[in-house]
Amino acid sequence: MEYVQGGSLWDLTQEMGEMGEATGRFFLNQMMEITDYMHNVRKTVHRDLKPENILVDSQLNIKFADFGFSTSKNIESLTDLAGSNTYIAPEVKALLN
């Protein structure tokens, strides 16, 4: 695995505090491009995207990390839940109860 100097997006937000709309948009655009590539080209879903699993290099390029929950099988028909419980959307949690 490639070493990414700079830490995670979580670390960066803790250092910066508020990042502002332009910076948030900058990172979100990269996340959308990576996710689009993963889904449409590599046919893979990450299933545990969170700031701790997004690494930021010295030029502010992001890279996804921790593919422990990822899958490339039947991604159009996934029904089981995977990922970190604290990041599961409330409406999804409500379905589990």
PDB file of N, CA and C in Angstrom:
ATOM      1  N   MET A   1       0.843  -1.170   0.000  1.00  0.00           N
ATOM      2  CA  MET A   1       0.000   0.000   0.000  1.00  0.00           C
ATOM      3  C   MET A   1       0.896   1.244   0.000  1.00  0.00           C
ATOM      4  N   GLU A   2       0.458   2.235  -0.690  1.00  0.00           N
ATOM      5  CA  GLU A   2       1.193   3.496  -0.787  1.00  0.00           C
ATOM      6  C   GLU A   2       1.161   4.259   0.539  1.00  0.00           C
ATOM      7  N   TYR A   3       2.290   4.831   0.905  1.00  0.00           N
ATOM      8  CA  TYR A   3       2.342   5.680   2.090  1.00  0.00           C
ATOM      9  C   TYR A   3       1.864   7.077   1.703  1.00  0.00           C
ATOM     10  N   VAL A   4       0.923   7.611   2.451  1.00  0.00           N
ATOM     11  CA  VAL A   4       0.389   8.946   2.181  1.00  0.00           C
ATOM     12  C   VAL A   4       0.767   9.850   3.346  1.00  0.00           C
ATOM     13  N   GLN A   5       1.701  10.729   3.093  1.00  0.00           N
ATOM     14  CA  GLN A   5       2.147  11.656   4.128  1.00  0.00           C
ATOM     15  C   GLN A   5       1.097  12.745   4.294  1.00  0.00           C
ATOM     16  N   GLY A   6       0.728  13.037   5.504  1.00  0.00           N
ATOM     17  CA  GLY A   6      -0.242  14.094   5.734  1.00  0.00           C
ATOM     18  C   GLY A   6      -1.371  13.692   6.654  1.00  0.00           C
ATOM     19  N   GLY A   7      -1.655  12.405   6.772  1.00  0.00           N
ATOM     20  CA  GLY A   7      -2.706  11.966   7.681  1.00  0.00           C
ATOM     21  C   GLY A   7      -4.059  11.873   7.028  1.00  0.00           C
ATOM     22  N   SER A   8      -5.069  11.756   7.857  1.00  0.00           N
ATOM     23  CA  SER A   8      -6.438  11.559   7.367  1.00  0.00           C
ATOM     24  C   SER A   8      -7.178  12.891   7.277  1.00  0.00           C
ATOM     25  N   LEU A   9      -8.294  12.842   6.586  1.00  0.00           N
ATOM     26  CA  LEU A   9      -9.167  14.018   6.507  1.00  0.00           C
ATOM     27  C   LEU A   9      -9.669  14.381   7.901  1.00  0.00           C
ATOM     28  N   TRP A  10      -9.874  13.384   8.734  1.00  0.00           N
ATOM     29  CA  TRP A  10     -10.281  13.624  10.128  1.00  0.00           C
ATOM     30  C   TRP A  10      -9.218  14.464  10.847  1.00  0.00           C
ATOM     31  N   ASP A  11      -7.948  14.050  10.707  1.00  0.00           N
ATOM     32  CA  ASP A  11      -6.854  14.792  11.337  1.00  0.00           C
ATOM     33  C   ASP A  11      -6.808  16.235  10.831  1.00  0.00           C
ATOM     34  N   LEU A  12      -6.962  16.393   9.528  1.00  0.00           N
ATOM     35  CA  LEU A  12      -6.913  17.722   8.925  1.00  0.00           C
ATOM     36  C   LEU A  12      -8.040  18.616   9.448  1.00  0.00           C
ATOM     37  N   THR A  13      -9.239  18.068   9.558  1.00  0.00           N
ATOM     38  CA  THR A  13     -10.355  18.879  10.057  1.00  0.00           C
ATOM     39  C   THR A  13     -10.170  19.230  11.528  1.00  0.00           C
ATOM     40  N   GLN A  14      -9.533  18.343  12.284  1.00  0.00           N
ATOM     41  CA  GLN A  14      -9.262  18.659  13.684  1.00  0.00           C
ATOM     42  C   GLN A  14      -8.247  19.788  13.804  1.00  0.00           C
ATOM     43  N   GLU A  15      -7.277  19.813  12.913  1.00  0.00           N
ATOM     44  CA  GLU A  15      -6.269  20.881  12.917  1.00  0.00           C
ATOM     45  C   GLU A  15      -6.848  22.199  12.433  1.00  0.00           C
ATOM     46  N   MET A  16      -7.658  22.139  11.360  1.00  0.00           N
ATOM     47  CA  MET A  16      -8.189  23.348  10.735  1.00  0.00           C
ATOM     48  C   MET A  16      -9.383  23.920  11.482  1.00  0.00           C
ATOM     49  N   GLY A  17     -10.143  23.056  12.117  1.00  0.00           N
ATOM     50  CA  GLY A  17     -11.426  23.493  12.645  1.00  0.00           C
ATOM     51  C   GLY A  17     -12.400  23.569  11.484  1.00  0.00           C
ATOM     52  N   GLU A  18     -12.999  24.714  11.292  1.00  0.00           N
ATOM     53  CA  GLU A  18     -13.910  24.908  10.171  1.00  0.00           C
ATOM     54  C   GLU A  18     -13.117  25.011   8.874  1.00  0.00           C
ATOM     55  N   MET A  19     -13.558  24.300   7.843  1.00  0.00           N
ATOM     56  CA  MET A  19     -12.786  24.358   6.608  1.00  0.00           C
ATOM     57  C   MET A  19     -13.399  25.271   5.562  1.00  0.00           C
ATOM     58  N   GLY A  20     -14.626  25.658   5.695  1.00  0.00           N
ATOM     59  CA  GLY A  20     -15.248  26.560   4.741  1.00  0.00           C
ATOM     60  C   GLY A  20     -15.808  25.830   3.537  1.00  0.00           C
ATOM     61  N   GLU A  21     -16.689  26.516   2.838  1.00  0.00           N
ATOM     62  CA  GLU A  21     -17.400  25.905   1.713  1.00  0.00           C
ATOM     63  C   GLU A  21     -16.474  25.566   0.547  1.00  0.00           C
ATOM     64  N   ALA A  22     -15.577  26.465   0.186  1.00  0.00           N
ATOM     65  CA  ALA A  22     -14.700  26.222  -0.967  1.00  0.00           C
ATOM     66  C   ALA A  22     -13.794  25.015  -0.723  1.00  0.00           C
ATOM     67  N   THR A  23     -13.238  24.909   0.465  1.00  0.00           N
ATOM     68  CA  THR A  23     -12.367  23.779   0.789  1.00  0.00           C
ATOM     69  C   THR A  23     -13.173  22.487   0.843  1.00  0.00           C
ATOM     70  N   GLY A  24     -14.351  22.552   1.442  1.00  0.00           N
ATOM     71  CA  GLY A  24     -15.223  21.379   1.485  1.00  0.00           C
ATOM     72  C   GLY A  24     -15.588  20.914   0.088  1.00  0.00           C
ATOM     73  N   ARG A  25     -15.901  21.844  -0.792  1.00  0.00           N
ATOM     74  CA  ARG A  25     -16.228  21.514  -2.176  1.00  0.00           C
ATOM     75  C   ARG A  25     -15.028  20.898  -2.890  1.00  0.00           C
ATOM     76  N   PHE A  26     -13.824  21.427  -2.613  1.00  0.00           N
ATOM     77  CA  PHE A  26     -12.595  20.903  -3.193  1.00  0.00           C
ATOM     78  C   PHE A  26     -12.418  19.421  -2.850  1.00  0.00           C
ATOM     79  N   PHE A  27     -12.588  19.074  -1.574  1.00  0.00           N
ATOM     80  CA  PHE A  27     -12.441  17.684  -1.158  1.00  0.00           C
ATOM     81  C   PHE A  27     -13.615  16.824  -1.641  1.00  0.00           C
ATOM     82  N   LEU A  28     -14.829  17.363  -1.591  1.00  0.00           N
ATOM     83  CA  LEU A  28     -16.000  16.605  -2.023  1.00  0.00           C
ATOM     84  C   LEU A  28     -15.906  16.248  -3.500  1.00  0.00           C
ATOM     85  N   ASN A  29     -15.437  17.158  -4.337  1.00  0.00           N
ATOM     86  CA  ASN A  29     -15.277  16.853  -5.765  1.00  0.00           C
ATOM     87  C   ASN A  29     -14.320  15.691  -5.971  1.00  0.00           C
ATOM     88  N   GLN A  30     -13.230  15.673  -5.224  1.00  0.00           N
ATOM     89  CA  GLN A  30     -12.292  14.551  -5.329  1.00  0.00           C
ATOM     90  C   GLN A  30     -12.954  13.246  -4.877  1.00  0.00           C
ATOM     91  N   MET A  31     -13.707  13.303  -3.778  1.00  0.00           N
ATOM     92  CA  MET A  31     -14.377  12.101  -3.272  1.00  0.00           C
ATOM     93  C   MET A  31     -15.372  11.566  -4.293  1.00  0.00           C
ATOM     94  N   MET A  32     -16.096  12.465  -4.950  1.00  0.00           N
ATOM     95  CA  MET A  32     -17.074  12.038  -5.951  1.00  0.00           C
ATOM     96  C   MET A  32     -16.386  11.408  -7.158  1.00  0.00           C
ATOM     97  N   GLU A  33     -15.264  11.974  -7.588  1.00  0.00           N
ATOM     98  CA  GLU A  33     -14.520  11.397  -8.709  1.00  0.00           C
ATOM     99  C   GLU A  33     -13.993  10.005  -8.361  1.00  0.00           C
ATOM    100  N   ILE A  34     -13.443   9.857  -7.168  1.00  0.00           N
ATOM    101  CA  ILE A  34     -12.919   8.546  -6.751  1.00  0.00           C
ATOM    102  C   ILE A  34     -14.050   7.531  -6.644  1.00  0.00           C
ATOM    103  N   THR A  35     -15.154   7.941  -6.031  1.00  0.00           N
ATOM    104  CA  THR A  35     -16.292   7.034  -5.865  1.00  0.00           C
ATOM    105  C   THR A  35     -16.862   6.628  -7.215  1.00  0.00           C
ATOM    106  N   ASP A  36     -16.985   7.576  -8.128  1.00  0.00           N
ATOM    107  CA  ASP A  36     -17.483   7.276  -9.478  1.00  0.00           C
ATOM    108  C   ASP A  36     -16.569   6.261 -10.164  1.00  0.00           C
ATOM    109  N   TYR A  37     -15.267   6.469 -10.073  1.00  0.00           N
ATOM    110  CA  TYR A  37     -14.310   5.533 -10.665  1.00  0.00           C
ATOM    111  C   TYR A  37     -14.439   4.152 -10.031  1.00  0.00           C
ATOM    112  N   MET A  38     -14.502   4.106  -8.708  1.00  0.00           N
ATOM    113  CA  MET A  38     -14.615   2.822  -8.016  1.00  0.00           C
ATOM    114  C   MET A  38     -15.871   2.070  -8.443  1.00  0.00           C
ATOM    115  N   HIS A  39     -17.009   2.772  -8.495  1.00  0.00           N
ATOM    116  CA  HIS A  39     -18.275   2.108  -8.793  1.00  0.00           C
ATOM    117  C   HIS A  39     -18.394   1.729 -10.265  1.00  0.00           C
ATOM    118  N   ASN A  40     -18.099   2.669 -11.146  1.00  0.00           N
ATOM    119  CA  ASN A  40     -18.375   2.466 -12.564  1.00  0.00           C
ATOM    120  C   ASN A  40     -17.255   1.795 -13.342  1.00  0.00           C
ATOM    121  N   VAL A  41     -16.019   1.973 -12.936  1.00  0.00           N
ATOM    122  CA  VAL A  41     -14.899   1.358 -13.648  1.00  0.00           C
ATOM    123  C   VAL A  41     -14.441   0.091 -12.944  1.00  0.00           C
ATOM    124  N   ARG A  42     -14.194   0.193 -11.653  1.00  0.00           N
ATOM    125  CA  ARG A  42     -13.677  -0.960 -10.897  1.00  0.00           C
ATOM    126  C   ARG A  42     -14.784  -1.859 -10.346  1.00  0.00           C
ATOM    127  N   LYS A  43     -16.044  -1.396 -10.416  1.00  0.00           N
ATOM    128  CA  LYS A  43     -17.194  -2.163  -9.906  1.00  0.00           C
ATOM    129  C   LYS A  43     -16.974  -2.595  -8.461  1.00  0.00           C
ATOM    130  N   THR A  44     -16.563  -1.628  -7.641  1.00  0.00           N
ATOM    131  CA  THR A  44     -16.257  -1.878  -6.232  1.00  0.00           C
ATOM    132  C   THR A  44     -16.934  -0.814  -5.379  1.00  0.00           C
ATOM    133  N   VAL A  45     -17.438  -1.216  -4.229  1.00  0.00           N
ATOM    134  CA  VAL A  45     -17.963  -0.264  -3.248  1.00  0.00           C
ATOM    135  C   VAL A  45     -17.116  -0.347  -1.986  1.00  0.00           C
ATOM    136  N   HIS A  46     -16.885   0.786  -1.373  1.00  0.00           N
ATOM    137  CA  HIS A  46     -16.018   0.874  -0.193  1.00  0.00           C
ATOM    138  C   HIS A  46     -16.747   0.398   1.055  1.00  0.00           C
ATOM    139  N   ARG A  47     -17.920   0.905   1.304  1.00  0.00           N
ATOM    140  CA  ARG A  47     -18.814   0.546   2.408  1.00  0.00           C
ATOM    141  C   ARG A  47     -18.372   1.013   3.789  1.00  0.00           C
ATOM    142  N   ASP A  48     -17.335   1.836   3.874  1.00  0.00           N
ATOM    143  CA  ASP A  48     -16.955   2.387   5.177  1.00  0.00           C
ATOM    144  C   ASP A  48     -16.263   3.738   4.993  1.00  0.00           C
ATOM    145  N   LEU A  49     -16.839   4.579   4.127  1.00  0.00           N
ATOM    146  CA  LEU A  49     -16.242   5.901   3.917  1.00  0.00           C
ATOM    147  C   LEU A  49     -16.547   6.799   5.105  1.00  0.00           C
ATOM    148  N   LYS A  50     -15.494   7.355   5.653  1.00  0.00           N
ATOM    149  CA  LYS A  50     -15.588   8.281   6.772  1.00  0.00           C
ATOM    150  C   LYS A  50     -14.286   9.075   6.780  1.00  0.00           C
ATOM    151  N   PRO A  51     -14.252  10.209   7.448  1.00  0.00           N
ATOM    152  CA  PRO A  51     -13.044  11.041   7.420  1.00  0.00           C
ATOM    153  C   PRO A  51     -11.774  10.309   7.845  1.00  0.00           C
ATOM    154  N   GLU A  52     -11.892   9.346   8.729  1.00  0.00           N
ATOM    155  CA  GLU A  52     -10.723   8.592   9.181  1.00  0.00           C
ATOM    156  C   GLU A  52     -10.149   7.696   8.092  1.00  0.00           C
ATOM    157  N   ASN A  53     -10.952   7.342   7.082  1.00  0.00           N
ATOM    158  CA  ASN A  53     -10.521   6.454   5.994  1.00  0.00           C
ATOM    159  C   ASN A  53     -10.223   7.210   4.706  1.00  0.00           C
ATOM    160  N   ILE A  54     -10.114   8.507   4.795  1.00  0.00           N
ATOM    161  CA  ILE A  54      -9.750   9.328   3.642  1.00  0.00           C
ATOM    162  C   ILE A  54      -8.430   9.997   3.979  1.00  0.00           C
ATOM    163  N   LEU A  55      -7.400   9.637   3.242  1.00  0.00           N
ATOM    164  CA  LEU A  55      -6.069  10.179   3.490  1.00  0.00           C
ATOM    165  C   LEU A  55      -5.817  11.394   2.604  1.00  0.00           C
ATOM    166  N   VAL A  56      -5.042  12.343   3.114  1.00  0.00           N
ATOM    167  CA  VAL A  56      -4.740  13.584   2.393  1.00  0.00           C
ATOM    168  C   VAL A  56      -3.227  13.690   2.261  1.00  0.00           C
ATOM    169  N   ASP A  57      -2.750  13.807   1.003  1.00  0.00           N
ATOM    170  CA  ASP A  57      -1.302  13.907   0.813  1.00  0.00           C
ATOM    171  C   ASP A  57      -0.840  15.358   0.924  1.00  0.00           C
ATOM    172  N   SER A  58       0.433  15.580   0.703  1.00  0.00           N
ATOM    173  CA  SER A  58       1.013  16.910   0.892  1.00  0.00           C
ATOM    174  C   SER A  58       0.511  17.940  -0.122  1.00  0.00           C
ATOM    175  N   GLN A  59      -0.077  17.475  -1.244  1.00  0.00           N
ATOM    176  CA  GLN A  59      -0.652  18.404  -2.226  1.00  0.00           C
ATOM    177  C   GLN A  59      -2.176  18.481  -2.123  1.00  0.00           C
ATOM    178  N   LEU A  60      -2.718  17.984  -1.011  1.00  0.00           N
ATOM    179  CA  LEU A  60      -4.147  17.976  -0.717  1.00  0.00           C
ATOM    180  C   LEU A  60      -4.954  17.076  -1.648  1.00  0.00           C
ATOM    181  N   ASN A  61      -4.300  16.073  -2.222  1.00  0.00           N
ATOM    182  CA  ASN A  61      -4.999  15.042  -2.975  1.00  0.00           C
ATOM    183  C   ASN A  61      -5.459  13.988  -1.982  1.00  0.00           C
ATOM    184  N   ILE A  62      -6.666  13.481  -2.175  1.00  0.00           N
ATOM    185  CA  ILE A  62      -7.171  12.477  -1.245  1.00  0.00           C
ATOM    186  C   ILE A  62      -7.070  11.084  -1.841  1.00  0.00           C
ATOM    187  N   LYS A  63      -6.989  10.120  -0.937  1.00  0.00           N
ATOM    188  CA  LYS A  63      -6.943   8.704  -1.299  1.00  0.00           C
ATOM    189  C   LYS A  63      -7.781   7.954  -0.282  1.00  0.00           C
ATOM    190  N   PHE A  64      -8.590   7.031  -0.777  1.00  0.00           N
ATOM    191  CA  PHE A  64      -9.386   6.215   0.128  1.00  0.00           C
ATOM    192  C   PHE A  64      -8.523   5.103   0.706  1.00  0.00           C
ATOM    193  N   ALA A  65      -8.743   4.795   1.977  1.00  0.00           N
ATOM    194  CA  ALA A  65      -7.999   3.751   2.666  1.00  0.00           C
ATOM    195  C   ALA A  65      -8.976   2.807   3.367  1.00  0.00           C
ATOM    196  N   ASP A  66      -8.462   1.722   3.908  1.00  0.00           N
ATOM    197  CA  ASP A  66      -9.213   0.732   4.685  1.00  0.00           C
ATOM    198  C   ASP A  66     -10.362   0.134   3.880  1.00  0.00           C
ATOM    199  N   PHE A  67     -10.007  -0.767   3.002  1.00  0.00           N
ATOM    200  CA  PHE A  67     -10.999  -1.438   2.161  1.00  0.00           C
ATOM    201  C   PHE A  67     -11.479  -2.746   2.786  1.00  0.00           C
ATOM    202  N   GLY A  68     -11.434  -2.832   4.105  1.00  0.00           N
ATOM    203  CA  GLY A  68     -11.826  -4.048   4.801  1.00  0.00           C
ATOM    204  C   GLY A  68     -13.271  -4.456   4.592  1.00  0.00           C
ATOM    205  N   PHE A  69     -14.176  -3.516   4.399  1.00  0.00           N
ATOM    206  CA  PHE A  69     -15.592  -3.817   4.162  1.00  0.00           C
ATOM    207  C   PHE A  69     -15.958  -3.752   2.683  1.00  0.00           C
ATOM    208  N   SER A  70     -15.016  -3.449   1.819  1.00  0.00           N
ATOM    209  CA  SER A  70     -15.326  -3.260   0.398  1.00  0.00           C
ATOM    210  C   SER A  70     -15.702  -4.581  -0.258  1.00  0.00           C
ATOM    211  N   THR A  71     -16.401  -4.454  -1.372  1.00  0.00           N
ATOM    212  CA  THR A  71     -16.762  -5.637  -2.148  1.00  0.00           C
ATOM    213  C   THR A  71     -16.867  -5.256  -3.617  1.00  0.00           C
ATOM    214  N   SER A  72     -16.684  -6.244  -4.455  1.00  0.00           N
ATOM    215  CA  SER A  72     -16.862  -6.035  -5.892  1.00  0.00           C
ATOM    216  C   SER A  72     -17.853  -7.047  -6.444  1.00  0.00           C
ATOM    217  N   LYS A  73     -18.566  -7.702  -5.559  1.00  0.00           N
ATOM    218  CA  LYS A  73     -19.529  -8.714  -5.976  1.00  0.00           C
ATOM    219  C   LYS A  73     -20.947  -8.189  -5.853  1.00  0.00           C
ATOM    220  N   ASN A  74     -21.697  -8.249  -6.930  1.00  0.00           N
ATOM    221  CA  ASN A  74     -23.126  -7.891  -6.936  1.00  0.00           C
ATOM    222  C   ASN A  74     -23.382  -6.521  -6.323  1.00  0.00           C
ATOM    223  N   ILE A  75     -22.618  -5.515  -6.706  1.00  0.00           N
ATOM    224  CA  ILE A  75     -22.755  -4.221  -6.034  1.00  0.00           C
ATOM    225  C   ILE A  75     -24.100  -3.559  -6.295  1.00  0.00           C
ATOM    226  N   GLU A  76     -24.796  -3.941  -7.364  1.00  0.00           N
ATOM    227  CA  GLU A  76     -26.113  -3.352  -7.633  1.00  0.00           C
ATOM    228  C   GLU A  76     -27.201  -3.933  -6.740  1.00  0.00           C
ATOM    229  N   SER A  77     -26.922  -5.064  -6.102  1.00  0.00           N
ATOM    230  CA  SER A  77     -27.966  -5.702  -5.296  1.00  0.00           C
ATOM    231  C   SER A  77     -27.528  -5.972  -3.859  1.00  0.00           C
ATOM    232  N   LEU A  78     -26.643  -5.148  -3.310  1.00  0.00           N
ATOM    233  CA  LEU A  78     -26.230  -5.328  -1.919  1.00  0.00           C
ATOM    234  C   LEU A  78     -27.398  -5.038  -0.985  1.00  0.00           C
ATOM    235  N   THR A  79     -27.587  -5.889  -0.010  1.00  0.00           N
ATOM    236  CA  THR A  79     -28.657  -5.661   0.962  1.00  0.00           C
ATOM    237  C   THR A  79     -28.156  -5.685   2.395  1.00  0.00           C
ATOM    238  N   ASP A  80     -26.977  -6.242   2.629  1.00  0.00           N
ATOM    239  CA  ASP A  80     -26.460  -6.284   3.994  1.00  0.00           C
ATOM    240  C   ASP A  80     -25.740  -4.983   4.324  1.00  0.00           C
ATOM    241  N   LEU A  81     -25.688  -4.661   5.594  1.00  0.00           N
ATOM    242  CA  LEU A  81     -25.030  -3.435   6.039  1.00  0.00           C
ATOM    243  C   LEU A  81     -23.597  -3.731   6.429  1.00  0.00           C
ATOM    244  N   ALA A  82     -22.746  -2.768   6.161  1.00  0.00           N
ATOM    245  CA  ALA A  82     -21.348  -2.884   6.553  1.00  0.00           C
ATOM    246  C   ALA A  82     -20.851  -1.484   6.865  1.00  0.00           C
ATOM    247  N   GLY A  83     -19.798  -1.393   7.656  1.00  0.00           N
ATOM    248  CA  GLY A  83     -19.222  -0.094   7.959  1.00  0.00           C
ATOM    249  C   GLY A  83     -19.228   0.193   9.442  1.00  0.00           C
ATOM    250  N   SER A  84     -18.863   1.416   9.755  1.00  0.00           N
ATOM    251  CA  SER A  84     -18.768   1.860  11.146  1.00  0.00           C
ATOM    252  C   SER A  84     -20.133   2.317  11.640  1.00  0.00           C
ATOM    253  N   ASN A  85     -20.558   1.774  12.749  1.00  0.00           N
ATOM    254  CA  ASN A  85     -21.887   2.047  13.285  1.00  0.00           C
ATOM    255  C   ASN A  85     -22.155   3.537  13.500  1.00  0.00           C
ATOM    256  N   THR A  86     -21.164   4.284  13.942  1.00  0.00           N
ATOM    257  CA  THR A  86     -21.380   5.708  14.218  1.00  0.00           C
ATOM    258  C   THR A  86     -21.611   6.526  12.950  1.00  0.00           C
ATOM    259  N   TYR A  87     -21.328   5.970  11.786  1.00  0.00           N
ATOM    260  CA  TYR A  87     -21.515   6.688  10.523  1.00  0.00           C
ATOM    261  C   TYR A  87     -22.700   6.177   9.711  1.00  0.00           C
ATOM    262  N   ILE A  88     -23.430   5.207  10.235  1.00  0.00           N
ATOM    263  CA  ILE A  88     -24.614   4.724   9.525  1.00  0.00           C
ATOM    264  C   ILE A  88     -25.716   5.763   9.670  1.00  0.00           C
ATOM    265  N   ALA A  89     -26.367   6.086   8.572  1.00  0.00           N
ATOM    266  CA  ALA A  89     -27.412   7.105   8.564  1.00  0.00           C
ATOM    267  C   ALA A  89     -28.562   6.717   9.517  1.00  0.00           C
ATOM    268  N   PRO A  90     -29.147   7.699  10.208  1.00  0.00           N
ATOM    269  CA  PRO A  90     -30.227   7.389  11.156  1.00  0.00           C
ATOM    270  C   PRO A  90     -31.402   6.656  10.522  1.00  0.00           C
ATOM    271  N   GLU A  91     -31.733   6.994   9.279  1.00  0.00           N
ATOM    272  CA  GLU A  91     -32.863   6.324   8.631  1.00  0.00           C
ATOM    273  C   GLU A  91     -32.553   4.859   8.337  1.00  0.00           C
ATOM    274  N   VAL A  92     -31.281   4.535   8.136  1.00  0.00           N
ATOM    275  CA  VAL A  92     -30.886   3.135   7.954  1.00  0.00           C
ATOM    276  C   VAL A  92     -30.914   2.417   9.293  1.00  0.00           C
ATOM    277  N   LYS A  93     -30.429   3.075  10.331  1.00  0.00           N
ATOM    278  CA  LYS A  93     -30.481   2.470  11.677  1.00  0.00           C
ATOM    279  C   LYS A  93     -31.913   2.174  12.081  1.00  0.00           C
ATOM    280  N   ALA A  94     -32.846   3.066  11.718  1.00  0.00           N
ATOM    281  CA  ALA A  94     -34.236   2.876  12.084  1.00  0.00           C
ATOM    282  C   ALA A  94     -34.799   1.594  11.444  1.00  0.00           C
ATOM    283  N   LEU A  95     -34.319   1.260  10.261  1.00  0.00           N
ATOM    284  CA  LEU A  95     -34.777   0.024   9.593  1.00  0.00           C
ATOM    285  C   LEU A  95     -34.313  -1.216  10.335  1.00  0.00           C
ATOM    286  N   LEU A  96     -33.214  -1.091  11.059  1.00  0.00           N
ATOM    287  CA  LEU A  96     -32.655  -2.238  11.778  1.00  0.00           C
ATOM    288  C   LEU A  96     -33.409  -2.537  13.049  1.00  0.00           C
ATOM    289  N   ASN A  97     -34.085  -1.538  13.606  1.00  0.00           N
ATOM    290  CA  ASN A  97     -34.792  -1.726  14.891  1.00  0.00           C
ATOM    291  C   ASN A  97     -36.153  -2.302  14.722  1.00  0.00           C
TER     292      ASN A  97
END
